[in-house]
Amino acid sequence: MRNSSNLFATRQGIDNFTKDREVPPQSLRELVDGKYLREIPTDPLTGKKDWVPHFGTVVLDKGRTTFGIDDVDSRSEHNGW
């Protein structure tokens, strides 16, 4: 995976994990352990596997909410995504 596809794949892994398990992941390692990602992808802006997980309230079905990772961002100061 390269460039923005790394970000897309990670976000898709978070969404799929949350839908399947009805709870968001609490770490990016959970996505790998649960086979939602083969590995934590490299951030193309930093060249490292150093994504910053964003934690927030996630709305599940029927208005239920829970707390966990809902997105990731680059650690780079030049983050234009």
PDB file of N, CA and C in Angstrom:
ATOM      1  N   MET A   1       0.840  -1.170   0.000  1.00  0.00           N
ATOM      2  CA  MET A   1       0.000   0.000   0.000  1.00  0.00           C
ATOM      3  C   MET A   1       0.890   1.240   0.000  1.00  0.00           C
ATOM      4  N   ARG A   2       0.486   2.232  -0.718  1.00  0.00           N
ATOM      5  CA  ARG A   2       1.291   3.441  -0.813  1.00  0.00           C
ATOM      6  C   ARG A   2       0.391   4.670  -0.733  1.00  0.00           C
ATOM      7  N   ASN A   3       1.019   5.753  -0.381  1.00  0.00           N
ATOM      8  CA  ASN A   3       0.385   7.064  -0.376  1.00  0.00           C
ATOM      9  C   ASN A   3      -0.941   7.059   0.368  1.00  0.00           C
ATOM     10  N   SER A   4      -1.965   7.680  -0.200  1.00  0.00           N
ATOM     11  CA  SER A   4      -3.244   7.795   0.499  1.00  0.00           C
ATOM     12  C   SER A   4      -3.972   6.464   0.610  1.00  0.00           C
ATOM     13  N   SER A   5      -3.557   5.458  -0.151  1.00  0.00           N
ATOM     14  CA  SER A   5      -4.206   4.148  -0.012  1.00  0.00           C
ATOM     15  C   SER A   5      -3.937   3.551   1.368  1.00  0.00           C
ATOM     16  N   ASN A   6      -2.792   3.904   1.995  1.00  0.00           N
ATOM     17  CA  ASN A   6      -2.523   3.450   3.358  1.00  0.00           C
ATOM     18  C   ASN A   6      -3.536   4.031   4.330  1.00  0.00           C
ATOM     19  N   LEU A   7      -3.819   5.304   4.160  1.00  0.00           N
ATOM     20  CA  LEU A   7      -4.805   5.959   5.009  1.00  0.00           C
ATOM     21  C   LEU A   7      -6.186   5.367   4.772  1.00  0.00           C
ATOM     22  N   PHE A   8      -6.557   5.178   3.514  1.00  0.00           N
ATOM     23  CA  PHE A   8      -7.859   4.606   3.185  1.00  0.00           C
ATOM     24  C   PHE A   8      -8.002   3.204   3.775  1.00  0.00           C
ATOM     25  N   ALA A   9      -6.981   2.362   3.617  1.00  0.00           N
ATOM     26  CA  ALA A   9      -7.036   0.981   4.120  1.00  0.00           C
ATOM     27  C   ALA A   9      -7.162   0.960   5.642  1.00  0.00           C
ATOM     28  N   THR A  10      -6.458   1.854   6.314  1.00  0.00           N
ATOM     29  CA  THR A  10      -6.532   1.901   7.771  1.00  0.00           C
ATOM     30  C   THR A  10      -7.919   2.343   8.214  1.00  0.00           C
ATOM     31  N   ARG A  11      -8.451   3.363   7.563  1.00  0.00           N
ATOM     32  CA  ARG A  11      -9.806   3.822   7.906  1.00  0.00           C
ATOM     33  C   ARG A  11     -10.846   2.745   7.604  1.00  0.00           C
ATOM     34  N   GLN A  12     -10.676   2.041   6.510  1.00  0.00           N
ATOM     35  CA  GLN A  12     -11.597   0.957   6.171  1.00  0.00           C
ATOM     36  C   GLN A  12     -11.499  -0.166   7.206  1.00  0.00           C
ATOM     37  N   GLY A  13     -10.289  -0.469   7.651  1.00  0.00           N
ATOM     38  CA  GLY A  13     -10.107  -1.481   8.695  1.00  0.00           C
ATOM     39  C   GLY A  13     -10.813  -1.096   9.984  1.00  0.00           C
ATOM     40  N   ILE A  14     -10.717   0.178  10.361  1.00  0.00           N
ATOM     41  CA  ILE A  14     -11.407   0.663  11.559  1.00  0.00           C
ATOM     42  C   ILE A  14     -12.914   0.494  11.398  1.00  0.00           C
ATOM     43  N   ASP A  15     -13.449   0.898  10.254  1.00  0.00           N
ATOM     44  CA  ASP A  15     -14.893   0.785  10.002  1.00  0.00           C
ATOM     45  C   ASP A  15     -15.352  -0.663  10.013  1.00  0.00           C
ATOM     46  N   ASN A  16     -14.612  -1.546   9.331  1.00  0.00           N
ATOM     47  CA  ASN A  16     -15.002  -2.957   9.272  1.00  0.00           C
ATOM     48  C   ASN A  16     -14.928  -3.623  10.641  1.00  0.00           C
ATOM     49  N   PHE A  17     -13.878  -3.339  11.383  1.00  0.00           N
ATOM     50  CA  PHE A  17     -13.734  -3.859  12.748  1.00  0.00           C
ATOM     51  C   PHE A  17     -14.944  -3.451  13.581  1.00  0.00           C
ATOM     52  N   THR A  18     -15.275  -2.153  13.523  1.00  0.00           N
ATOM     53  CA  THR A  18     -16.376  -1.621  14.323  1.00  0.00           C
ATOM     54  C   THR A  18     -17.711  -2.245  13.926  1.00  0.00           C
ATOM     55  N   LYS A  19     -17.953  -2.407  12.641  1.00  0.00           N
ATOM     56  CA  LYS A  19     -19.212  -3.017  12.183  1.00  0.00           C
ATOM     57  C   LYS A  19     -19.297  -4.478  12.586  1.00  0.00           C
ATOM     58  N   ASP A  20     -18.213  -5.218  12.396  1.00  0.00           N
ATOM     59  CA  ASP A  20     -18.220  -6.654  12.701  1.00  0.00           C
ATOM     60  C   ASP A  20     -18.343  -6.934  14.188  1.00  0.00           C
ATOM     61  N   ARG A  21     -17.653  -6.173  14.994  1.00  0.00           N
ATOM     62  CA  ARG A  21     -17.562  -6.460  16.433  1.00  0.00           C
ATOM     63  C   ARG A  21     -18.477  -5.589  17.288  1.00  0.00           C
ATOM     64  N   GLU A  22     -19.104  -4.614  16.647  1.00  0.00           N
ATOM     65  CA  GLU A  22     -20.000  -3.685  17.335  1.00  0.00           C
ATOM     66  C   GLU A  22     -19.306  -2.932  18.459  1.00  0.00           C
ATOM     67  N   VAL A  23     -18.021  -2.721  18.282  1.00  0.00           N
ATOM     68  CA  VAL A  23     -17.215  -1.920  19.193  1.00  0.00           C
ATOM     69  C   VAL A  23     -15.993  -1.463  18.398  1.00  0.00           C
ATOM     70  N   PRO A  24     -15.579  -0.213  18.533  1.00  0.00           N
ATOM     71  CA  PRO A  24     -14.413   0.241  17.788  1.00  0.00           C
ATOM     72  C   PRO A  24     -13.118  -0.292  18.402  1.00  0.00           C
ATOM     73  N   PRO A  25     -12.060  -0.354  17.612  1.00  0.00           N
ATOM     74  CA  PRO A  25     -10.790  -0.808  18.169  1.00  0.00           C
ATOM     75  C   PRO A  25     -10.265   0.202  19.188  1.00  0.00           C
ATOM     76  N   GLN A  26      -9.453  -0.295  20.100  1.00  0.00           N
ATOM     77  CA  GLN A  26      -8.833   0.561  21.101  1.00  0.00           C
ATOM     78  C   GLN A  26      -7.364   0.813  20.776  1.00  0.00           C
ATOM     79  N   SER A  27      -6.858   0.090  19.758  1.00  0.00           N
ATOM     80  CA  SER A  27      -5.485   0.296  19.291  1.00  0.00           C
ATOM     81  C   SER A  27      -5.410  -0.139  17.832  1.00  0.00           C
ATOM     82  N   LEU A  28      -4.421   0.364  17.118  1.00  0.00           N
ATOM     83  CA  LEU A  28      -4.234  -0.067  15.734  1.00  0.00           C
ATOM     84  C   LEU A  28      -3.748  -1.506  15.684  1.00  0.00           C
ATOM     85  N   ARG A  29      -3.063  -1.959  16.721  1.00  0.00           N
ATOM     86  CA  ARG A  29      -2.601  -3.346  16.798  1.00  0.00           C
ATOM     87  C   ARG A  29      -3.797  -4.302  16.757  1.00  0.00           C
ATOM     88  N   GLU A  30      -4.923  -3.915  17.320  1.00  0.00           N
ATOM     89  CA  GLU A  30      -6.130  -4.752  17.276  1.00  0.00           C
ATOM     90  C   GLU A  30      -6.562  -5.033  15.841  1.00  0.00           C
ATOM     91  N   LEU A  31      -6.350  -4.078  14.939  1.00  0.00           N
ATOM     92  CA  LEU A  31      -6.723  -4.268  13.535  1.00  0.00           C
ATOM     93  C   LEU A  31      -5.858  -5.346  12.887  1.00  0.00           C
ATOM     94  N   VAL A  32      -4.598  -5.401  13.265  1.00  0.00           N
ATOM     95  CA  VAL A  32      -3.691  -6.426  12.747  1.00  0.00           C
ATOM     96  C   VAL A  32      -4.025  -7.773  13.386  1.00  0.00           C
ATOM     97  N   ASP A  33      -4.157  -7.790  14.696  1.00  0.00           N
ATOM     98  CA  ASP A  33      -4.462  -9.041  15.408  1.00  0.00           C
ATOM     99  C   ASP A  33      -5.785  -9.649  14.951  1.00  0.00           C
ATOM    100  N   GLY A  34      -6.746  -8.790  14.609  1.00  0.00           N
ATOM    101  CA  GLY A  34      -8.056  -9.253  14.156  1.00  0.00           C
ATOM    102  C   GLY A  34      -8.130  -9.510  12.662  1.00  0.00           C
ATOM    103  N   LYS A  35      -7.006  -9.368  11.964  1.00  0.00           N
ATOM    104  CA  LYS A  35      -6.899  -9.618  10.517  1.00  0.00           C
ATOM    105  C   LYS A  35      -7.656  -8.599   9.663  1.00  0.00           C
ATOM    106  N   TYR A  36      -7.820  -7.399  10.201  1.00  0.00           N
ATOM    107  CA  TYR A  36      -8.430  -6.320   9.415  1.00  0.00           C
ATOM    108  C   TYR A  36      -7.375  -5.572   8.604  1.00  0.00           C
ATOM    109  N   LEU A  37      -6.112  -5.689   9.028  1.00  0.00           N
ATOM    110  CA  LEU A  37      -4.955  -5.197   8.289  1.00  0.00           C
ATOM    111  C   LEU A  37      -3.861  -6.254   8.390  1.00  0.00           C
ATOM    112  N   ARG A  38      -3.076  -6.401   7.335  1.00  0.00           N
ATOM    113  CA  ARG A  38      -1.939  -7.332   7.403  1.00  0.00           C
ATOM    114  C   ARG A  38      -0.865  -6.801   8.333  1.00  0.00           C
ATOM    115  N   GLU A  39      -0.698  -5.503   8.308  1.00  0.00           N
ATOM    116  CA  GLU A  39       0.245  -4.826   9.186  1.00  0.00           C
ATOM    117  C   GLU A  39      -0.194  -3.380   9.295  1.00  0.00           C
ATOM    118  N   ILE A  40       0.348  -2.684  10.282  1.00  0.00           N
ATOM    119  CA  ILE A  40       0.069  -1.257  10.360  1.00  0.00           C
ATOM    120  C   ILE A  40       0.833  -0.612   9.209  1.00  0.00           C
ATOM    121  N   PRO A  41       0.139   0.064   8.306  1.00  0.00           N
ATOM    122  CA  PRO A  41       0.813   0.624   7.140  1.00  0.00           C
ATOM    123  C   PRO A  41       1.730   1.795   7.485  1.00  0.00           C
ATOM    124  N   THR A  42       2.666   2.020   6.617  1.00  0.00           N
ATOM    125  CA  THR A  42       3.581   3.148   6.758  1.00  0.00           C
ATOM    126  C   THR A  42       2.881   4.433   6.330  1.00  0.00           C
ATOM    127  N   ASP A  43       3.037   5.458   7.140  1.00  0.00           N
ATOM    128  CA  ASP A  43       2.522   6.774   6.794  1.00  0.00           C
ATOM    129  C   ASP A  43       3.461   7.356   5.739  1.00  0.00           C
ATOM    130  N   PRO A  44       2.965   7.644   4.543  1.00  0.00           N
ATOM    131  CA  PRO A  44       3.847   8.140   3.484  1.00  0.00           C
ATOM    132  C   PRO A  44       4.448   9.518   3.771  1.00  0.00           C
ATOM    133  N   LEU A  45       3.850  10.261   4.690  1.00  0.00           N
ATOM    134  CA  LEU A  45       4.378  11.587   5.011  1.00  0.00           C
ATOM    135  C   LEU A  45       5.542  11.528   5.994  1.00  0.00           C
ATOM    136  N   THR A  46       5.547  10.523   6.871  1.00  0.00           N
ATOM    137  CA  THR A  46       6.620  10.412   7.861  1.00  0.00           C
ATOM    138  C   THR A  46       7.571   9.264   7.538  1.00  0.00           C
ATOM    139  N   GLY A  47       7.122   8.324   6.697  1.00  0.00           N
ATOM    140  CA  GLY A  47       7.936   7.151   6.394  1.00  0.00           C
ATOM    141  C   GLY A  47       7.981   6.151   7.529  1.00  0.00           C
ATOM    142  N   LYS A  48       7.088   6.313   8.503  1.00  0.00           N
ATOM    143  CA  LYS A  48       7.046   5.438   9.682  1.00  0.00           C
ATOM    144  C   LYS A  48       5.637   4.910   9.903  1.00  0.00           C
ATOM    145  N   LYS A  49       5.535   3.917  10.740  1.00  0.00           N
ATOM    146  CA  LYS A  49       4.230   3.364  11.121  1.00  0.00           C
ATOM    147  C   LYS A  49       3.792   4.072  12.404  1.00  0.00           C
ATOM    148  N   ASP A  50       3.593   5.371  12.275  1.00  0.00           N
ATOM    149  CA  ASP A  50       3.365   6.193  13.461  1.00  0.00           C
ATOM    150  C   ASP A  50       2.074   7.004  13.392  1.00  0.00           C
ATOM    151  N   TRP A  51       1.035   6.404  12.844  1.00  0.00           N
ATOM    152  CA  TRP A  51      -0.258   7.072  12.759  1.00  0.00           C
ATOM    153  C   TRP A  51      -0.723   7.518  14.144  1.00  0.00           C
ATOM    154  N   VAL A  52      -1.471   8.593  14.177  1.00  0.00           N
ATOM    155  CA  VAL A  52      -2.052   9.085  15.420  1.00  0.00           C
ATOM    156  C   VAL A  52      -3.522   8.678  15.435  1.00  0.00           C
ATOM    157  N   PRO A  53      -3.894   7.737  16.301  1.00  0.00           N
ATOM    158  CA  PRO A  53      -5.302   7.356  16.360  1.00  0.00           C
ATOM    159  C   PRO A  53      -6.141   8.468  16.993  1.00  0.00           C
ATOM    160  N   HIS A  54      -7.322   8.662  16.446  1.00  0.00           N
ATOM    161  CA  HIS A  54      -8.261   9.631  17.008  1.00  0.00           C
ATOM    162  C   HIS A  54      -9.350   8.846  17.730  1.00  0.00           C
ATOM    163  N   PHE A  55      -9.513   9.140  19.004  1.00  0.00           N
ATOM    164  CA  PHE A  55     -10.544   8.491  19.806  1.00  0.00           C
ATOM    165  C   PHE A  55     -11.752   9.402  19.904  1.00  0.00           C
ATOM    166  N   GLY A  56     -12.925   8.809  19.816  1.00  0.00           N
ATOM    167  CA  GLY A  56     -14.146   9.579  19.924  1.00  0.00           C
ATOM    168  C   GLY A  56     -15.332   8.678  20.185  1.00  0.00           C
ATOM    169  N   THR A  57     -16.484   9.289  20.301  1.00  0.00           N
ATOM    170  CA  THR A  57     -17.727   8.555  20.477  1.00  0.00           C
ATOM    171  C   THR A  57     -18.172   8.049  19.116  1.00  0.00           C
ATOM    172  N   VAL A  58     -18.404   6.747  19.032  1.00  0.00           N
ATOM    173  CA  VAL A  58     -18.801   6.104  17.781  1.00  0.00           C
ATOM    174  C   VAL A  58     -20.260   5.686  17.907  1.00  0.00           C
ATOM    175  N   VAL A  59     -21.066   6.071  16.926  1.00  0.00           N
ATOM    176  CA  VAL A  59     -22.483   5.703  16.928  1.00  0.00           C
ATOM    177  C   VAL A  59     -22.628   4.341  16.259  1.00  0.00           C
ATOM    178  N   LEU A  60     -23.218   3.416  16.995  1.00  0.00           N
ATOM    179  CA  LEU A  60     -23.518   2.090  16.461  1.00  0.00           C
ATOM    180  C   LEU A  60     -24.976   2.077  16.010  1.00  0.00           C
ATOM    181  N   ASP A  61     -25.505   0.938  15.684  1.00  0.00           N
ATOM    182  CA  ASP A  61     -26.898   0.868  15.237  1.00  0.00           C
ATOM    183  C   ASP A  61     -27.871   1.214  16.365  1.00  0.00           C
ATOM    184  N   LYS A  62     -29.033   1.652  15.980  1.00  0.00           N
ATOM    185  CA  LYS A  62     -30.131   1.983  16.900  1.00  0.00           C
ATOM    186  C   LYS A  62     -29.735   3.008  17.954  1.00  0.00           C
ATOM    187  N   GLY A  63     -28.842   3.916  17.576  1.00  0.00           N
ATOM    188  CA  GLY A  63     -28.491   4.997  18.467  1.00  0.00           C
ATOM    189  C   GLY A  63     -27.542   4.651  19.598  1.00  0.00           C
ATOM    190  N   ARG A  64     -27.077   3.414  19.644  1.00  0.00           N
ATOM    191  CA  ARG A  64     -26.117   3.040  20.686  1.00  0.00           C
ATOM    192  C   ARG A  64     -24.781   3.711  20.380  1.00  0.00           C
ATOM    193  N   THR A  65     -24.088   4.125  21.416  1.00  0.00           N
ATOM    194  CA  THR A  65     -22.780   4.741  21.236  1.00  0.00           C
ATOM    195  C   THR A  65     -21.744   4.021  22.094  1.00  0.00           C
ATOM    196  N   THR A  66     -20.502   4.148  21.686  1.00  0.00           N
ATOM    197  CA  THR A  66     -19.381   3.586  22.426  1.00  0.00           C
ATOM    198  C   THR A  66     -18.168   4.449  22.131  1.00  0.00           C
ATOM    199  N   PHE A  67     -17.080   4.206  22.806  1.00  0.00           N
ATOM    200  CA  PHE A  67     -15.892   5.033  22.670  1.00  0.00           C
ATOM    201  C   PHE A  67     -14.724   4.207  22.158  1.00  0.00           C
ATOM    202  N   GLY A  68     -13.995   4.748  21.197  1.00  0.00           N
ATOM    203  CA  GLY A  68     -12.818   4.059  20.678  1.00  0.00           C
ATOM    204  C   GLY A  68     -12.246   4.811  19.494  1.00  0.00           C
ATOM    205  N   ILE A  69     -11.368   4.140  18.757  1.00  0.00           N
ATOM    206  CA  ILE A  69     -10.747   4.766  17.600  1.00  0.00           C
ATOM    207  C   ILE A  69     -11.784   4.932  16.499  1.00  0.00           C
ATOM    208  N   ASP A  70     -11.914   6.150  15.993  1.00  0.00           N
ATOM    209  CA  ASP A  70     -12.848   6.402  14.896  1.00  0.00           C
ATOM    210  C   ASP A  70     -12.148   6.946  13.655  1.00  0.00           C
ATOM    211  N   ASP A  71     -10.839   7.225  13.763  1.00  0.00           N
ATOM    212  CA  ASP A  71     -10.089   7.739  12.619  1.00  0.00           C
ATOM    213  C   ASP A  71      -8.607   7.718  12.954  1.00  0.00           C
ATOM    214  N   VAL A  72      -7.776   7.979  11.959  1.00  0.00           N
ATOM    215  CA  VAL A  72      -6.336   8.149  12.162  1.00  0.00           C
ATOM    216  C   VAL A  72      -5.874   9.362  11.377  1.00  0.00           C
ATOM    217  N   ASP A  73      -4.806   9.952  11.841  1.00  0.00           N
ATOM    218  CA  ASP A  73      -4.191  11.083  11.174  1.00  0.00           C
ATOM    219  C   ASP A  73      -2.691  10.858  11.087  1.00  0.00           C
ATOM    220  N   SER A  74      -2.073  11.554  10.169  1.00  0.00           N
ATOM    221  CA  SER A  74      -0.626  11.529  10.050  1.00  0.00           C
ATOM    222  C   SER A  74      -0.021  12.338  11.183  1.00  0.00           C
ATOM    223  N   ARG A  75       1.134  11.912  11.638  1.00  0.00           N
ATOM    224  CA  ARG A  75       1.865  12.662  12.641  1.00  0.00           C
ATOM    225  C   ARG A  75       2.613  13.853  12.019  1.00  0.00           C
ATOM    226  N   SER A  76       2.696  13.875  10.706  1.00  0.00           N
ATOM    227  CA  SER A  76       3.435  14.912   9.997  1.00  0.00           C
ATOM    228  C   SER A  76       2.806  16.288  10.203  1.00  0.00           C
ATOM    229  N   GLU A  77       3.654  17.301  10.307  1.00  0.00           N
ATOM    230  CA  GLU A  77       3.179  18.664  10.382  1.00  0.00           C
ATOM    231  C   GLU A  77       2.637  19.130   9.028  1.00  0.00           C
ATOM    232  N   HIS A  78       2.943  18.404   7.979  1.00  0.00           N
ATOM    233  CA  HIS A  78       2.508  18.741   6.622  1.00  0.00           C
ATOM    234  C   HIS A  78       1.301  17.909   6.211  1.00  0.00           C
ATOM    235  N   ASN A  79       0.486  17.575   7.172  1.00  0.00           N
ATOM    236  CA  ASN A  79      -0.689  16.743   6.948  1.00  0.00           C
ATOM    237  C   ASN A  79      -1.750  17.560   6.224  1.00  0.00           C
ATOM    238  N   GLY A  80      -1.982  17.210   4.958  1.00  0.00           N
ATOM    239  CA  GLY A  80      -2.986  17.918   4.166  1.00  0.00           C
ATOM    240  C   GLY A  80      -4.218  17.082   3.911  1.00  0.00           C
ATOM    241  N   TRP A  81      -4.361  15.977   4.646  1.00  0.00           N
ATOM    242  CA  TRP A  81      -5.505  15.074   4.399  1.00  0.00           C
ATOM    243  C   TRP A  81      -6.602  15.499   5.270  1.00  0.00           C
TER     244      TRP A  81
END
